[in-house]
Amino acid sequence: MAQLILVLIMGLALLTWAASGVVQTAREWFERDISSRARLVLVGAEVRRRSPQAADDRAATVRRVHLEIRISLDLLAGKSAVALIQGSSA
């Protein structure tokens, strides 16, 4: 009987350890996701702030949208938002 209780306690300890690992991984993913989304918002605001004022300039609008898409994809790939902002101003 004592061996069964010991096995059950060990199994519960193993299950608890595995669950804490899953929770930690989910938390890290969530923090990275929120951080990426925040950087994306900041980069989008910076691009819009620097964008040309002429709303009827179709070529400028296409370039701006292309730049925003490229920056979004770069952020999703894990590149630095600061480097992207500095690179887009050149």
N, C-alpha and C. Protein backbone atom coordinates (compact mmCIF):
# COMPACT_ATOMS: atom_id res chain seq x y z
N MET A 1 0.82 -1.19 0.00
CA MET A 1 0.00 0.00 0.00
C MET A 1 0.87 1.26 0.00
N ALA A 2 1.95 1.24 0.76
CA ALA A 2 2.85 2.39 0.84
C ALA A 2 3.51 2.66 -0.51
N GLN A 3 3.80 1.57 -1.24
CA GLN A 3 4.42 1.74 -2.56
C GLN A 3 3.44 2.41 -3.53
N LEU A 4 2.18 2.05 -3.46
CA LEU A 4 1.17 2.65 -4.32
C LEU A 4 1.04 4.15 -4.04
N ILE A 5 1.02 4.51 -2.79
CA ILE A 5 0.93 5.92 -2.41
C ILE A 5 2.17 6.67 -2.89
N LEU A 6 3.32 6.06 -2.75
CA LEU A 6 4.57 6.69 -3.19
C LEU A 6 4.56 6.90 -4.71
N VAL A 7 4.09 5.89 -5.45
CA VAL A 7 4.00 6.01 -6.91
C VAL A 7 3.01 7.11 -7.30
N LEU A 8 1.88 7.18 -6.62
CA LEU A 8 0.88 8.21 -6.91
C LEU A 8 1.44 9.60 -6.61
N ILE A 9 2.15 9.76 -5.52
CA ILE A 9 2.75 11.06 -5.17
C ILE A 9 3.80 11.45 -6.20
N MET A 10 4.63 10.49 -6.60
CA MET A 10 5.65 10.77 -7.61
C MET A 10 5.00 11.14 -8.95
N GLY A 11 3.93 10.43 -9.31
CA GLY A 11 3.21 10.74 -10.55
C GLY A 11 2.60 12.13 -10.50
N LEU A 12 2.04 12.49 -9.37
CA LEU A 12 1.47 13.82 -9.21
C LEU A 12 2.56 14.89 -9.28
N ALA A 13 3.70 14.63 -8.70
CA ALA A 13 4.81 15.59 -8.77
C ALA A 13 5.28 15.77 -10.21
N LEU A 14 5.38 14.69 -10.95
CA LEU A 14 5.78 14.75 -12.35
C LEU A 14 4.76 15.53 -13.18
N LEU A 15 3.49 15.27 -12.94
CA LEU A 15 2.42 15.98 -13.65
C LEU A 15 2.45 17.48 -13.33
N THR A 16 2.69 17.82 -12.09
CA THR A 16 2.78 19.23 -11.68
C THR A 16 3.96 19.90 -12.35
N TRP A 17 5.08 19.22 -12.38
CA TRP A 17 6.28 19.78 -13.04
C TRP A 17 6.03 20.01 -14.52
N ALA A 18 5.41 19.06 -15.20
CA ALA A 18 5.12 19.20 -16.63
C ALA A 18 4.13 20.34 -16.87
N ALA A 19 3.12 20.46 -16.04
CA ALA A 19 2.13 21.53 -16.20
C ALA A 19 2.78 22.89 -16.00
N SER A 20 3.70 23.01 -15.05
CA SER A 20 4.37 24.30 -14.83
C SER A 20 5.23 24.66 -16.04
N GLY A 21 5.82 23.68 -16.70
CA GLY A 21 6.59 23.94 -17.91
C GLY A 21 5.71 24.45 -19.04
N VAL A 22 4.53 23.86 -19.18
CA VAL A 22 3.59 24.30 -20.21
C VAL A 22 3.13 25.73 -19.93
N VAL A 23 2.83 26.02 -18.67
CA VAL A 23 2.39 27.37 -18.31
C VAL A 23 3.49 28.38 -18.58
N GLN A 24 4.71 28.05 -18.23
CA GLN A 24 5.84 28.96 -18.46
C GLN A 24 6.04 29.21 -19.96
N THR A 25 5.96 28.17 -20.76
CA THR A 25 6.11 28.32 -22.21
C THR A 25 4.99 29.20 -22.78
N ALA A 26 3.77 28.98 -22.33
CA ALA A 26 2.65 29.79 -22.80
C ALA A 26 2.83 31.25 -22.39
N ARG A 27 3.32 31.48 -21.20
CA ARG A 27 3.54 32.85 -20.72
C ARG A 27 4.61 33.54 -21.57
N GLU A 28 5.70 32.85 -21.87
CA GLU A 28 6.76 33.44 -22.70
C GLU A 28 6.23 33.75 -24.10
N TRP A 29 5.44 32.84 -24.67
CA TRP A 29 4.86 33.09 -25.99
C TRP A 29 3.95 34.31 -25.95
N PHE A 30 3.13 34.41 -24.92
CA PHE A 30 2.21 35.53 -24.78
C PHE A 30 2.97 36.85 -24.67
N GLU A 31 4.02 36.88 -23.87
CA GLU A 31 4.81 38.10 -23.70
C GLU A 31 5.49 38.50 -25.01
N ARG A 32 6.02 37.53 -25.76
CA ARG A 32 6.63 37.84 -27.06
C ARG A 32 5.59 38.36 -28.04
N ASP A 33 4.41 37.76 -28.03
CA ASP A 33 3.35 38.16 -28.94
C ASP A 33 2.89 39.60 -28.64
N ILE A 34 2.68 39.92 -27.38
CA ILE A 34 2.26 41.26 -27.01
C ILE A 34 3.35 42.27 -27.33
N SER A 35 4.59 41.91 -27.08
CA SER A 35 5.71 42.80 -27.39
C SER A 35 5.79 43.06 -28.89
N SER A 36 5.63 42.03 -29.70
CA SER A 36 5.66 42.20 -31.16
C SER A 36 4.52 43.08 -31.64
N ARG A 37 3.35 42.88 -31.07
CA ARG A 37 2.20 43.70 -31.46
C ARG A 37 2.42 45.16 -31.07
N ALA A 38 2.99 45.40 -29.91
CA ALA A 38 3.26 46.78 -29.49
C ALA A 38 4.28 47.45 -30.41
N ARG A 39 5.34 46.71 -30.75
CA ARG A 39 6.32 47.27 -31.68
C ARG A 39 5.70 47.55 -33.04
N LEU A 40 4.82 46.67 -33.49
CA LEU A 40 4.15 46.86 -34.76
C LEU A 40 3.31 48.14 -34.75
N VAL A 41 2.62 48.38 -33.66
CA VAL A 41 1.83 49.61 -33.54
C VAL A 41 2.74 50.83 -33.58
N LEU A 42 3.85 50.78 -32.85
CA LEU A 42 4.78 51.92 -32.83
C LEU A 42 5.39 52.18 -34.20
N VAL A 43 5.77 51.12 -34.88
CA VAL A 43 6.35 51.29 -36.22
C VAL A 43 5.31 51.83 -37.18
N GLY A 44 4.09 51.33 -37.09
CA GLY A 44 3.03 51.84 -37.95
C GLY A 44 2.76 53.31 -37.71
N ALA A 45 2.77 53.72 -36.45
CA ALA A 45 2.57 55.13 -36.14
C ALA A 45 3.72 55.97 -36.66
N GLU A 46 4.93 55.47 -36.54
CA GLU A 46 6.10 56.21 -37.03
C GLU A 46 6.06 56.34 -38.54
N VAL A 47 5.69 55.29 -39.24
CA VAL A 47 5.61 55.34 -40.70
C VAL A 47 4.54 56.34 -41.12
N ARG A 48 3.41 56.32 -40.44
CA ARG A 48 2.35 57.26 -40.79
C ARG A 48 2.76 58.70 -40.48
N ARG A 49 3.51 58.88 -39.41
CA ARG A 49 3.96 60.22 -39.05
C ARG A 49 4.90 60.77 -40.11
N ARG A 50 5.71 59.92 -40.69
CA ARG A 50 6.68 60.35 -41.70
C ARG A 50 6.13 60.28 -43.13
N SER A 51 4.92 59.81 -43.29
CA SER A 51 4.38 59.62 -44.63
C SER A 51 4.06 60.96 -45.29
N PRO A 52 4.04 60.98 -46.62
CA PRO A 52 3.72 62.23 -47.33
C PRO A 52 2.30 62.68 -47.01
N GLN A 53 2.10 64.00 -47.02
CA GLN A 53 0.80 64.55 -46.67
C GLN A 53 -0.18 64.51 -47.84
N ALA A 54 0.30 64.38 -49.05
CA ALA A 54 -0.58 64.41 -50.22
C ALA A 54 -1.36 63.11 -50.32
N ALA A 55 -2.66 63.16 -49.97
CA ALA A 55 -3.48 61.95 -49.98
C ALA A 55 -3.79 61.51 -51.40
N ASP A 56 -3.75 62.43 -52.36
CA ASP A 56 -4.09 62.07 -53.73
C ASP A 56 -2.90 61.53 -54.52
N ASP A 57 -1.73 61.52 -53.90
CA ASP A 57 -0.54 61.00 -54.57
C ASP A 57 -0.58 59.47 -54.49
N ARG A 58 -1.05 58.84 -55.53
CA ARG A 58 -1.26 57.39 -55.54
C ARG A 58 0.06 56.62 -55.38
N ALA A 59 1.11 57.06 -56.02
CA ALA A 59 2.40 56.36 -55.92
C ALA A 59 2.92 56.39 -54.49
N ALA A 60 2.79 57.53 -53.83
CA ALA A 60 3.24 57.63 -52.45
C ALA A 60 2.42 56.72 -51.54
N THR A 61 1.14 56.64 -51.80
CA THR A 61 0.28 55.77 -51.00
C THR A 61 0.68 54.31 -51.18
N VAL A 62 0.95 53.91 -52.41
CA VAL A 62 1.37 52.53 -52.68
C VAL A 62 2.70 52.23 -51.99
N ARG A 63 3.64 53.18 -52.08
CA ARG A 63 4.94 52.99 -51.42
C ARG A 63 4.77 52.88 -49.90
N ARG A 64 3.91 53.71 -49.33
CA ARG A 64 3.70 53.70 -47.88
C ARG A 64 3.11 52.36 -47.44
N VAL A 65 2.10 51.89 -48.16
CA VAL A 65 1.47 50.60 -47.81
C VAL A 65 2.48 49.47 -47.96
N HIS A 66 3.28 49.50 -49.03
CA HIS A 66 4.30 48.48 -49.23
C HIS A 66 5.30 48.49 -48.07
N LEU A 67 5.71 49.68 -47.64
CA LEU A 67 6.64 49.79 -46.53
C LEU A 67 6.03 49.23 -45.24
N GLU A 68 4.78 49.54 -44.98
CA GLU A 68 4.13 49.03 -43.78
C GLU A 68 4.03 47.51 -43.80
N ILE A 69 3.72 46.95 -44.94
CA ILE A 69 3.65 45.49 -45.06
C ILE A 69 5.03 44.87 -44.83
N ARG A 70 6.05 45.47 -45.45
CA ARG A 70 7.40 44.94 -45.30
C ARG A 70 7.86 45.01 -43.84
N ILE A 71 7.58 46.13 -43.17
CA ILE A 71 7.96 46.28 -41.77
C ILE A 71 7.20 45.26 -40.92
N SER A 72 5.93 45.07 -41.20
CA SER A 72 5.14 44.10 -40.44
C SER A 72 5.72 42.69 -40.58
N LEU A 73 6.08 42.32 -41.80
CA LEU A 73 6.66 40.99 -42.02
C LEU A 73 8.02 40.87 -41.35
N ASP A 74 8.82 41.94 -41.40
CA ASP A 74 10.12 41.91 -40.73
C ASP A 74 9.95 41.77 -39.22
N LEU A 75 8.97 42.46 -38.64
CA LEU A 75 8.73 42.34 -37.21
C LEU A 75 8.28 40.93 -36.85
N LEU A 76 7.43 40.36 -37.67
CA LEU A 76 7.00 38.98 -37.41
C LEU A 76 8.17 38.01 -37.51
N ALA A 77 9.16 38.36 -38.34
CA ALA A 77 10.35 37.52 -38.46
C ALA A 77 11.34 37.76 -37.32
N GLY A 78 11.05 38.75 -36.47
CA GLY A 78 11.87 38.98 -35.29
C GLY A 78 12.95 40.03 -35.45
N LYS A 79 12.88 40.85 -36.48
CA LYS A 79 13.89 41.90 -36.65
C LYS A 79 13.58 43.08 -35.74
N SER A 80 14.58 43.88 -35.45
CA SER A 80 14.46 44.99 -34.51
C SER A 80 13.63 46.12 -35.09
N ALA A 81 12.69 46.64 -34.29
CA ALA A 81 11.84 47.76 -34.73
C ALA A 81 12.68 49.03 -34.90
N VAL A 82 13.66 49.23 -34.04
CA VAL A 82 14.49 50.43 -34.14
C VAL A 82 15.27 50.43 -35.44
N ALA A 83 15.85 49.31 -35.82
CA ALA A 83 16.60 49.22 -37.08
C ALA A 83 15.68 49.42 -38.26
N LEU A 84 14.45 48.92 -38.16
CA LEU A 84 13.51 49.08 -39.27
C LEU A 84 13.11 50.53 -39.44
N ILE A 85 12.89 51.24 -38.32
CA ILE A 85 12.52 52.66 -38.41
C ILE A 85 13.67 53.46 -39.00
N GLN A 86 14.89 53.20 -38.52
CA GLN A 86 16.04 53.94 -39.03
C GLN A 86 16.29 53.62 -40.49
N GLY A 87 16.05 52.38 -40.90
CA GLY A 87 16.25 51.99 -42.29
C GLY A 87 15.21 52.58 -43.21
N SER A 88 14.00 52.81 -42.71
CA SER A 88 12.94 53.35 -43.56
C SER A 88 13.09 54.85 -43.77
N SER A 89 13.84 55.52 -42.90
CA SER A 89 13.98 56.97 -43.04
C SER A 89 15.08 57.33 -44.02
N ALA A 90 15.90 56.37 -44.41
CA ALA A 90 17.01 56.65 -45.32
C ALA A 90 16.54 56.79 -46.75
